[in-house]
Amino acid sequence: MAERIAVEVAYAEAGRQWVLPVQLPAGATVMQAIEASGLLEQVPGLAIDPARLGVFSRKAAPDQVLEDGDRVEIYRPLSLDPKEARRRRAQGT
């Protein structure tokens, strides 16, 4: 196992996205990568919901250990329930 790993931390809003490279010691976790990225300082008011984290589109826990090359993703809540969106499209509104 390498002594250091390189990962990316990704987050997107409607008009902007962040993909931040981070170097961490081997054995680092998802939450450690988020903290090391500086994203929390760059996006005021960003609250990390442990249920909305992933690594390469697969759900991940904050304490999941990362591997070299992983991409940590922070997901936003849905702005509209998918069922409601389909209803609105069907009604033409």
PDB file of N, CA and C in Angstrom:
ATOM      1  N   MET A   1       0.845  -1.175   0.000  1.00  0.00           N
ATOM      2  CA  MET A   1       0.000   0.000   0.000  1.00  0.00           C
ATOM      3  C   MET A   1       0.897   1.247   0.000  1.00  0.00           C
ATOM      4  N   ALA A   2       0.506   2.247  -0.737  1.00  0.00           N
ATOM      5  CA  ALA A   2       1.263   3.495  -0.830  1.00  0.00           C
ATOM      6  C   ALA A   2       1.182   4.259   0.486  1.00  0.00           C
ATOM      7  N   GLU A   3       2.208   5.070   0.749  1.00  0.00           N
ATOM      8  CA  GLU A   3       2.197   5.870   1.964  1.00  0.00           C
ATOM      9  C   GLU A   3       1.229   7.039   1.844  1.00  0.00           C
ATOM     10  N   ARG A   4       1.032   7.541   0.623  1.00  0.00           N
ATOM     11  CA  ARG A   4       0.085   8.639   0.379  1.00  0.00           C
ATOM     12  C   ARG A   4      -0.802   8.243  -0.790  1.00  0.00           C
ATOM     13  N   ILE A   5      -2.021   8.756  -0.753  1.00  0.00           N
ATOM     14  CA  ILE A   5      -2.953   8.507  -1.849  1.00  0.00           C
ATOM     15  C   ILE A   5      -3.427   9.837  -2.417  1.00  0.00           C
ATOM     16  N   ALA A   6      -3.804   9.816  -3.683  1.00  0.00           N
ATOM     17  CA  ALA A   6      -4.358  10.994  -4.353  1.00  0.00           C
ATOM     18  C   ALA A   6      -5.829  10.705  -4.644  1.00  0.00           C
ATOM     19  N   VAL A   7      -6.709  11.590  -4.168  1.00  0.00           N
ATOM     20  CA  VAL A   7      -8.142  11.452  -4.426  1.00  0.00           C
ATOM     21  C   VAL A   7      -8.690  12.797  -4.874  1.00  0.00           C
ATOM     22  N   GLU A   8      -9.920  12.789  -5.347  1.00  0.00           N
ATOM     23  CA  GLU A   8     -10.621  14.022  -5.714  1.00  0.00           C
ATOM     24  C   GLU A   8     -11.878  14.121  -4.862  1.00  0.00           C
ATOM     25  N   VAL A   9     -12.259  15.349  -4.534  1.00  0.00           N
ATOM     26  CA  VAL A   9     -13.513  15.611  -3.839  1.00  0.00           C
ATOM     27  C   VAL A   9     -14.368  16.442  -4.790  1.00  0.00           C
ATOM     28  N   ALA A  10     -15.578  15.960  -5.092  1.00  0.00           N
ATOM     29  CA  ALA A  10     -16.438  16.624  -6.081  1.00  0.00           C
ATOM     30  C   ALA A  10     -17.771  17.036  -5.442  1.00  0.00           C
ATOM     31  N   TYR A  11     -18.194  18.252  -5.826  1.00  0.00           N
ATOM     32  CA  TYR A  11     -19.496  18.776  -5.391  1.00  0.00           C
ATOM     33  C   TYR A  11     -19.992  19.707  -6.480  1.00  0.00           C
ATOM     34  N   ALA A  12     -21.300  19.702  -6.720  1.00  0.00           N
ATOM     35  CA  ALA A  12     -21.858  20.574  -7.760  1.00  0.00           C
ATOM     36  C   ALA A  12     -23.132  21.236  -7.266  1.00  0.00           C
ATOM     37  N   GLU A  13     -23.278  22.491  -7.666  1.00  0.00           N
ATOM     38  CA  GLU A  13     -24.520  23.233  -7.477  1.00  0.00           C
ATOM     39  C   GLU A  13     -25.077  23.488  -8.866  1.00  0.00           C
ATOM     40  N   ALA A  14     -26.215  24.121  -8.953  1.00  0.00           N
ATOM     41  CA  ALA A  14     -26.860  24.350 -10.244  1.00  0.00           C
ATOM     42  C   ALA A  14     -25.951  25.064 -11.238  1.00  0.00           C
ATOM     43  N   GLY A  15     -25.198  26.065 -10.798  1.00  0.00           N
ATOM     44  CA  GLY A  15     -24.401  26.838 -11.733  1.00  0.00           C
ATOM     45  C   GLY A  15     -22.900  26.667 -11.604  1.00  0.00           C
ATOM     46  N   ARG A  16     -22.450  25.791 -10.715  1.00  0.00           N
ATOM     47  CA  ARG A  16     -21.012  25.679 -10.495  1.00  0.00           C
ATOM     48  C   ARG A  16     -20.667  24.303  -9.953  1.00  0.00           C
ATOM     49  N   GLN A  17     -19.450  23.855 -10.265  1.00  0.00           N
ATOM     50  CA  GLN A  17     -18.980  22.586  -9.706  1.00  0.00           C
ATOM     51  C   GLN A  17     -17.552  22.731  -9.200  1.00  0.00           C
ATOM     52  N   TRP A  18     -17.215  21.903  -8.229  1.00  0.00           N
ATOM     53  CA  TRP A  18     -15.873  21.856  -7.658  1.00  0.00           C
ATOM     54  C   TRP A  18     -15.364  20.429  -7.784  1.00  0.00           C
ATOM     55  N   VAL A  19     -14.152  20.259  -8.274  1.00  0.00           N
ATOM     56  CA  VAL A  19     -13.452  18.982  -8.263  1.00  0.00           C
ATOM     57  C   VAL A  19     -12.055  19.306  -7.748  1.00  0.00           C
ATOM     58  N   LEU A  20     -11.820  18.939  -6.499  1.00  0.00           N
ATOM     59  CA  LEU A  20     -10.607  19.348  -5.813  1.00  0.00           C
ATOM     60  C   LEU A  20      -9.687  18.156  -5.563  1.00  0.00           C
ATOM     61  N   PRO A  21      -8.466  18.202  -6.063  1.00  0.00           N
ATOM     62  CA  PRO A  21      -7.516  17.113  -5.800  1.00  0.00           C
ATOM     63  C   PRO A  21      -6.961  17.226  -4.381  1.00  0.00           C
ATOM     64  N   VAL A  22      -6.766  16.080  -3.751  1.00  0.00           N
ATOM     65  CA  VAL A  22      -6.271  16.045  -2.372  1.00  0.00           C
ATOM     66  C   VAL A  22      -5.256  14.912  -2.240  1.00  0.00           C
ATOM     67  N   GLN A  23      -4.172  15.181  -1.546  1.00  0.00           N
ATOM     68  CA  GLN A  23      -3.177  14.166  -1.185  1.00  0.00           C
ATOM     69  C   GLN A  23      -3.387  13.841   0.289  1.00  0.00           C
ATOM     70  N   LEU A  24      -3.528  12.555   0.601  1.00  0.00           N
ATOM     71  CA  LEU A  24      -3.804  12.128   1.973  1.00  0.00           C
ATOM     72  C   LEU A  24      -2.921  10.946   2.351  1.00  0.00           C
ATOM     73  N   PRO A  25      -2.747  10.718   3.631  1.00  0.00           N
ATOM     74  CA  PRO A  25      -2.033   9.507   4.037  1.00  0.00           C
ATOM     75  C   PRO A  25      -2.883   8.271   3.732  1.00  0.00           C
ATOM     76  N   ALA A  26      -2.244   7.164   3.443  1.00  0.00           N
ATOM     77  CA  ALA A  26      -2.970   5.914   3.213  1.00  0.00           C
ATOM     78  C   ALA A  26      -3.817   5.615   4.437  1.00  0.00           C
ATOM     79  N   GLY A  27      -5.018   5.110   4.207  1.00  0.00           N
ATOM     80  CA  GLY A  27      -5.936   4.811   5.295  1.00  0.00           C
ATOM     81  C   GLY A  27      -6.880   5.954   5.624  1.00  0.00           C
ATOM     82  N   ALA A  28      -6.811   7.059   4.865  1.00  0.00           N
ATOM     83  CA  ALA A  28      -7.688   8.210   5.092  1.00  0.00           C
ATOM     84  C   ALA A  28      -9.129   7.852   4.719  1.00  0.00           C
ATOM     85  N   THR A  29     -10.063   8.558   5.339  1.00  0.00           N
ATOM     86  CA  THR A  29     -11.487   8.285   5.136  1.00  0.00           C
ATOM     87  C   THR A  29     -12.144   9.338   4.241  1.00  0.00           C
ATOM     88  N   VAL A  30     -13.376   9.063   3.880  1.00  0.00           N
ATOM     89  CA  VAL A  30     -14.163   9.982   3.065  1.00  0.00           C
ATOM     90  C   VAL A  30     -14.248  11.354   3.738  1.00  0.00           C
ATOM     91  N   MET A  31     -14.580  11.390   5.022  1.00  0.00           N
ATOM     92  CA  MET A  31     -14.729  12.670   5.720  1.00  0.00           C
ATOM     93  C   MET A  31     -13.394  13.402   5.833  1.00  0.00           C
ATOM     94  N   GLN A  32     -12.313  12.685   6.026  1.00  0.00           N
ATOM     95  CA  GLN A  32     -11.002  13.320   6.086  1.00  0.00           C
ATOM     96  C   GLN A  32     -10.656  13.969   4.748  1.00  0.00           C
ATOM     97  N   ALA A  33     -11.041  13.334   3.652  1.00  0.00           N
ATOM     98  CA  ALA A  33     -10.792  13.901   2.326  1.00  0.00           C
ATOM     99  C   ALA A  33     -11.596  15.185   2.136  1.00  0.00           C
ATOM    100  N   ILE A  34     -12.848  15.179   2.568  1.00  0.00           N
ATOM    101  CA  ILE A  34     -13.690  16.378   2.445  1.00  0.00           C
ATOM    102  C   ILE A  34     -13.081  17.521   3.251  1.00  0.00           C
ATOM    103  N   GLU A  35     -12.685  17.231   4.478  1.00  0.00           N
ATOM    104  CA  GLU A  35     -12.093  18.268   5.326  1.00  0.00           C
ATOM    105  C   GLU A  35     -10.790  18.797   4.729  1.00  0.00           C
ATOM    106  N   ALA A  36      -9.948  17.916   4.208  1.00  0.00           N
ATOM    107  CA  ALA A  36      -8.653  18.312   3.644  1.00  0.00           C
ATOM    108  C   ALA A  36      -8.804  19.096   2.343  1.00  0.00           C
ATOM    109  N   SER A  37      -9.921  18.918   1.636  1.00  0.00           N
ATOM    110  CA  SER A  37     -10.116  19.589   0.346  1.00  0.00           C
ATOM    111  C   SER A  37     -10.312  21.090   0.479  1.00  0.00           C
ATOM    112  N   GLY A  38     -10.784  21.548   1.644  1.00  0.00           N
ATOM    113  CA  GLY A  38     -11.089  22.960   1.822  1.00  0.00           C
ATOM    114  C   GLY A  38     -12.439  23.351   1.241  1.00  0.00           C
ATOM    115  N   LEU A  39     -13.209  22.386   0.791  1.00  0.00           N
ATOM    116  CA  LEU A  39     -14.510  22.659   0.172  1.00  0.00           C
ATOM    117  C   LEU A  39     -15.465  23.346   1.146  1.00  0.00           C
ATOM    118  N   LEU A  40     -15.417  22.967   2.406  1.00  0.00           N
ATOM    119  CA  LEU A  40     -16.331  23.565   3.385  1.00  0.00           C
ATOM    120  C   LEU A  40     -16.088  25.059   3.537  1.00  0.00           C
ATOM    121  N   GLU A  41     -14.860  25.503   3.324  1.00  0.00           N
ATOM    122  CA  GLU A  41     -14.552  26.935   3.376  1.00  0.00           C
ATOM    123  C   GLU A  41     -14.948  27.636   2.068  1.00  0.00           C
ATOM    124  N   GLN A  42     -14.886  26.913   0.953  1.00  0.00           N
ATOM    125  CA  GLN A  42     -15.200  27.501  -0.353  1.00  0.00           C
ATOM    126  C   GLN A  42     -16.695  27.626  -0.605  1.00  0.00           C
ATOM    127  N   VAL A  43     -17.487  26.783   0.040  1.00  0.00           N
ATOM    128  CA  VAL A  43     -18.940  26.789  -0.178  1.00  0.00           C
ATOM    129  C   VAL A  43     -19.613  27.105   1.156  1.00  0.00           C
ATOM    130  N   PRO A  44     -19.837  28.388   1.441  1.00  0.00           N
ATOM    131  CA  PRO A  44     -20.466  28.764   2.712  1.00  0.00           C
ATOM    132  C   PRO A  44     -21.838  28.114   2.860  1.00  0.00           C
ATOM    133  N   GLY A  45     -22.094  27.603   4.037  1.00  0.00           N
ATOM    134  CA  GLY A  45     -23.393  27.004   4.310  1.00  0.00           C
ATOM    135  C   GLY A  45     -23.531  25.556   3.873  1.00  0.00           C
ATOM    136  N   LEU A  46     -22.487  24.987   3.282  1.00  0.00           N
ATOM    137  CA  LEU A  46     -22.554  23.583   2.859  1.00  0.00           C
ATOM    138  C   LEU A  46     -22.590  22.696   4.099  1.00  0.00           C
ATOM    139  N   ALA A  47     -23.636  21.917   4.215  1.00  0.00           N
ATOM    140  CA  ALA A  47     -23.775  20.971   5.323  1.00  0.00           C
ATOM    141  C   ALA A  47     -23.601  19.571   4.760  1.00  0.00           C
ATOM    142  N   ILE A  48     -22.702  18.815   5.344  1.00  0.00           N
ATOM    143  CA  ILE A  48     -22.447  17.462   4.876  1.00  0.00           C
ATOM    144  C   ILE A  48     -23.436  16.511   5.528  1.00  0.00           C
ATOM    145  N   ASP A  49     -24.251  15.861   4.714  1.00  0.00           N
ATOM    146  CA  ASP A  49     -25.195  14.852   5.184  1.00  0.00           C
ATOM    147  C   ASP A  49     -24.531  13.495   4.957  1.00  0.00           C
ATOM    148  N   PRO A  50     -24.255  12.742   6.016  1.00  0.00           N
ATOM    149  CA  PRO A  50     -23.577  11.451   5.857  1.00  0.00           C
ATOM    150  C   PRO A  50     -24.319  10.485   4.930  1.00  0.00           C
ATOM    151  N   ALA A  51     -25.603  10.674   4.758  1.00  0.00           N
ATOM    152  CA  ALA A  51     -26.383   9.804   3.870  1.00  0.00           C
ATOM    153  C   ALA A  51     -26.247  10.207   2.400  1.00  0.00           C
ATOM    154  N   ARG A  52     -25.595  11.332   2.129  1.00  0.00           N
ATOM    155  CA  ARG A  52     -25.470  11.828   0.751  1.00  0.00           C
ATOM    156  C   ARG A  52     -24.012  11.922   0.318  1.00  0.00           C
ATOM    157  N   LEU A  53     -23.264  10.853   0.593  1.00  0.00           N
ATOM    158  CA  LEU A  53     -21.865  10.769   0.185  1.00  0.00           C
ATOM    159  C   LEU A  53     -21.669   9.538  -0.673  1.00  0.00           C
ATOM    160  N   GLY A  54     -20.731   9.635  -1.603  1.00  0.00           N
ATOM    161  CA  GLY A  54     -20.440   8.486  -2.448  1.00  0.00           C
ATOM    162  C   GLY A  54     -19.002   8.494  -2.918  1.00  0.00           C
ATOM    163  N   VAL A  55     -18.585   7.344  -3.420  1.00  0.00           N
ATOM    164  CA  VAL A  55     -17.283   7.203  -4.072  1.00  0.00           C
ATOM    165  C   VAL A  55     -17.576   6.590  -5.431  1.00  0.00           C
ATOM    166  N   PHE A  56     -17.285   7.338  -6.493  1.00  0.00           N
ATOM    167  CA  PHE A  56     -17.588   6.903  -7.863  1.00  0.00           C
ATOM    168  C   PHE A  56     -19.032   6.424  -7.993  1.00  0.00           C
ATOM    169  N   SER A  57     -19.982   7.242  -7.557  1.00  0.00           N
ATOM    170  CA  SER A  57     -21.426   7.016  -7.702  1.00  0.00           C
ATOM    171  C   SER A  57     -21.975   5.871  -6.860  1.00  0.00           C
ATOM    172  N   ARG A  58     -21.197   5.363  -5.931  1.00  0.00           N
ATOM    173  CA  ARG A  58     -21.688   4.329  -5.021  1.00  0.00           C
ATOM    174  C   ARG A  58     -21.722   4.903  -3.613  1.00  0.00           C
ATOM    175  N   LYS A  59     -22.815   4.672  -2.921  1.00  0.00           N
ATOM    176  CA  LYS A  59     -22.987   5.208  -1.579  1.00  0.00           C
ATOM    177  C   LYS A  59     -21.786   4.848  -0.701  1.00  0.00           C
ATOM    178  N   ALA A  60     -21.351   5.820   0.099  1.00  0.00           N
ATOM    179  CA  ALA A  60     -20.200   5.611   0.979  1.00  0.00           C
ATOM    180  C   ALA A  60     -20.481   6.222   2.345  1.00  0.00           C
ATOM    181  N   ALA A  61     -19.941   5.606   3.364  1.00  0.00           N
ATOM    182  CA  ALA A  61     -20.042   6.122   4.729  1.00  0.00           C
ATOM    183  C   ALA A  61     -18.913   7.120   4.968  1.00  0.00           C
ATOM    184  N   PRO A  62     -19.104   8.065   5.881  1.00  0.00           N
ATOM    185  CA  PRO A  62     -18.046   9.042   6.164  1.00  0.00           C
ATOM    186  C   PRO A  62     -16.746   8.400   6.632  1.00  0.00           C
ATOM    187  N   ASP A  63     -16.836   7.215   7.252  1.00  0.00           N
ATOM    188  CA  ASP A  63     -15.630   6.562   7.752  1.00  0.00           C
ATOM    189  C   ASP A  63     -15.069   5.504   6.805  1.00  0.00           C
ATOM    190  N   GLN A  64     -15.589   5.465   5.569  1.00  0.00           N
ATOM    191  CA  GLN A  64     -15.068   4.514   4.583  1.00  0.00           C
ATOM    192  C   GLN A  64     -13.633   4.887   4.214  1.00  0.00           C
ATOM    193  N   VAL A  65     -12.754   3.908   4.197  1.00  0.00           N
ATOM    194  CA  VAL A  65     -11.349   4.139   3.852  1.00  0.00           C
ATOM    195  C   VAL A  65     -11.225   4.254   2.334  1.00  0.00           C
ATOM    196  N   LEU A  66     -10.459   5.234   1.898  1.00  0.00           N
ATOM    197  CA  LEU A  66     -10.291   5.515   0.471  1.00  0.00           C
ATOM    198  C   LEU A  66      -9.072   4.804  -0.097  1.00  0.00           C
ATOM    199  N   GLU A  67      -9.113   4.614  -1.407  1.00  0.00           N
ATOM    200  CA  GLU A  67      -7.983   4.052  -2.137  1.00  0.00           C
ATOM    201  C   GLU A  67      -7.446   5.110  -3.091  1.00  0.00           C
ATOM    202  N   ASP A  68      -6.219   4.940  -3.514  1.00  0.00           N
ATOM    203  CA  ASP A  68      -5.601   5.876  -4.444  1.00  0.00           C
ATOM    204  C   ASP A  68      -6.450   5.996  -5.705  1.00  0.00           C
ATOM    205  N   GLY A  69      -6.741   7.223  -6.118  1.00  0.00           N
ATOM    206  CA  GLY A  69      -7.512   7.470  -7.332  1.00  0.00           C
ATOM    207  C   GLY A  69      -9.008   7.597  -7.135  1.00  0.00           C
ATOM    208  N   ASP A  70      -9.508   7.401  -5.927  1.00  0.00           N
ATOM    209  CA  ASP A  70     -10.953   7.507  -5.678  1.00  0.00           C
ATOM    210  C   ASP A  70     -11.444   8.948  -5.879  1.00  0.00           C
ATOM    211  N   ARG A  71     -12.740   9.065  -6.200  1.00  0.00           N
ATOM    212  CA  ARG A  71     -13.393  10.369  -6.287  1.00  0.00           C
ATOM    213  C   ARG A  71     -14.532  10.384  -5.267  1.00  0.00           C
ATOM    214  N   VAL A  72     -14.403  11.231  -4.266  1.00  0.00           N
ATOM    215  CA  VAL A  72     -15.437  11.398  -3.237  1.00  0.00           C
ATOM    216  C   VAL A  72     -16.470  12.375  -3.789  1.00  0.00           C
ATOM    217  N   GLU A  73     -17.736  12.001  -3.707  1.00  0.00           N
ATOM    218  CA  GLU A  73     -18.807  12.844  -4.236  1.00  0.00           C
ATOM    219  C   GLU A  73     -19.768  13.224  -3.116  1.00  0.00           C
ATOM    220  N   ILE A  74     -20.112  14.490  -3.080  1.00  0.00           N
ATOM    221  CA  ILE A  74     -21.075  15.011  -2.110  1.00  0.00           C
ATOM    222  C   ILE A  74     -22.341  15.336  -2.893  1.00  0.00           C
ATOM    223  N   TYR A  75     -23.439  14.695  -2.528  1.00  0.00           N
ATOM    224  CA  TYR A  75     -24.685  14.861  -3.266  1.00  0.00           C
ATOM    225  C   TYR A  75     -25.601  15.873  -2.597  1.00  0.00           C
ATOM    226  N   ARG A  76     -26.305  16.648  -3.429  1.00  0.00           N
ATOM    227  CA  ARG A  76     -27.302  17.601  -2.944  1.00  0.00           C
ATOM    228  C   ARG A  76     -28.641  16.894  -2.812  1.00  0.00           C
ATOM    229  N   PRO A  77     -29.525  17.405  -1.962  1.00  0.00           N
ATOM    230  CA  PRO A  77     -30.880  16.853  -1.926  1.00  0.00           C
ATOM    231  C   PRO A  77     -31.586  17.163  -3.249  1.00  0.00           C
ATOM    232  N   LEU A  78     -32.532  16.334  -3.608  1.00  0.00           N
ATOM    233  CA  LEU A  78     -33.312  16.591  -4.820  1.00  0.00           C
ATOM    234  C   LEU A  78     -34.136  17.858  -4.634  1.00  0.00           C
ATOM    235  N   SER A  79     -34.199  18.678  -5.666  1.00  0.00           N
ATOM    236  CA  SER A  79     -34.999  19.901  -5.571  1.00  0.00           C
ATOM    237  C   SER A  79     -36.479  19.608  -5.798  1.00  0.00           C
ATOM    238  N   LEU A  80     -36.783  18.490  -6.450  1.00  0.00           N
ATOM    239  CA  LEU A  80     -38.171  18.108  -6.712  1.00  0.00           C
ATOM    240  C   LEU A  80     -38.254  16.591  -6.721  1.00  0.00           C
ATOM    241  N   ASP A  81     -39.238  16.056  -6.037  1.00  0.00           N
ATOM    242  CA  ASP A  81     -39.456  14.619  -5.999  1.00  0.00           C
ATOM    243  C   ASP A  81     -39.694  14.108  -7.424  1.00  0.00           C
ATOM    244  N   PRO A  82     -39.037  13.026  -7.849  1.00  0.00           N
ATOM    245  CA  PRO A  82     -39.215  12.519  -9.213  1.00  0.00           C
ATOM    246  C   PRO A  82     -40.666  12.199  -9.575  1.00  0.00           C
ATOM    247  N   LYS A  83     -41.430  11.693  -8.615  1.00  0.00           N
ATOM    248  CA  LYS A  83     -42.846  11.405  -8.898  1.00  0.00           C
ATOM    249  C   LYS A  83     -43.617  12.688  -9.190  1.00  0.00           C
ATOM    250  N   GLU A  84     -43.339  13.723  -8.411  1.00  0.00           N
ATOM    251  CA  GLU A  84     -44.006  15.010  -8.630  1.00  0.00           C
ATOM    252  C   GLU A  84     -43.595  15.599  -9.979  1.00  0.00           C
ATOM    253  N   ALA A  85     -42.339  15.459 -10.348  1.00  0.00           N
ATOM    254  CA  ALA A  85     -41.870  15.964 -11.644  1.00  0.00           C
ATOM    255  C   ALA A  85     -42.611  15.272 -12.788  1.00  0.00           C
ATOM    256  N   ARG A  86     -42.796  13.947 -12.695  1.00  0.00           N
ATOM    257  CA  ARG A  86     -43.538  13.218 -13.740  1.00  0.00           C
ATOM    258  C   ARG A  86     -44.992  13.683 -13.790  1.00  0.00           C
ATOM    259  N   ARG A  87     -45.604  13.888 -12.619  1.00  0.00           N
ATOM    260  CA  ARG A  87     -46.996  14.366 -12.585  1.00  0.00           C
ATOM    261  C   ARG A  87     -47.123  15.717 -13.280  1.00  0.00           C
ATOM    262  N   ARG A  88     -46.188  16.608 -12.998  1.00  0.00           N
ATOM    263  CA  ARG A  88     -46.238  17.940 -13.612  1.00  0.00           C
ATOM    264  C   ARG A  88     -46.058  17.866 -15.117  1.00  0.00           C
ATOM    265  N   ARG A  89     -45.143  17.016 -15.577  1.00  0.00           N
ATOM    266  CA  ARG A  89     -44.953  16.879 -17.019  1.00  0.00           C
ATOM    267  C   ARG A  89     -46.202  16.299 -17.680  1.00  0.00           C
ATOM    268  N   ALA A  90     -46.820  15.328 -17.013  1.00  0.00           N
ATOM    269  CA  ALA A  90     -48.028  14.696 -17.572  1.00  0.00           C
ATOM    270  C   ALA A  90     -49.189  15.687 -17.649  1.00  0.00           C
ATOM    271  N   GLN A  91     -49.248  16.618 -16.688  1.00  0.00           N
ATOM    272  CA  GLN A  91     -50.313  17.624 -16.664  1.00  0.00           C
ATOM    273  C   GLN A  91     -49.993  18.813 -17.575  1.00  0.00           C
ATOM    274  N   GLY A  92     -48.753  18.872 -18.026  1.00  0.00           N
ATOM    275  CA  GLY A  92     -48.378  19.974 -18.896  1.00  0.00           C
ATOM    276  C   GLY A  92     -48.078  21.264 -18.177  1.00  0.00           C
ATOM    277  N   THR A  93     -47.776  21.191 -16.883  1.00  0.00           N
ATOM    278  CA  THR A  93     -47.464  22.422 -16.136  1.00  0.00           C
ATOM    279  C   THR A  93     -45.992  22.509 -15.827  1.00  0.00           C
TER     280      THR A  93
END
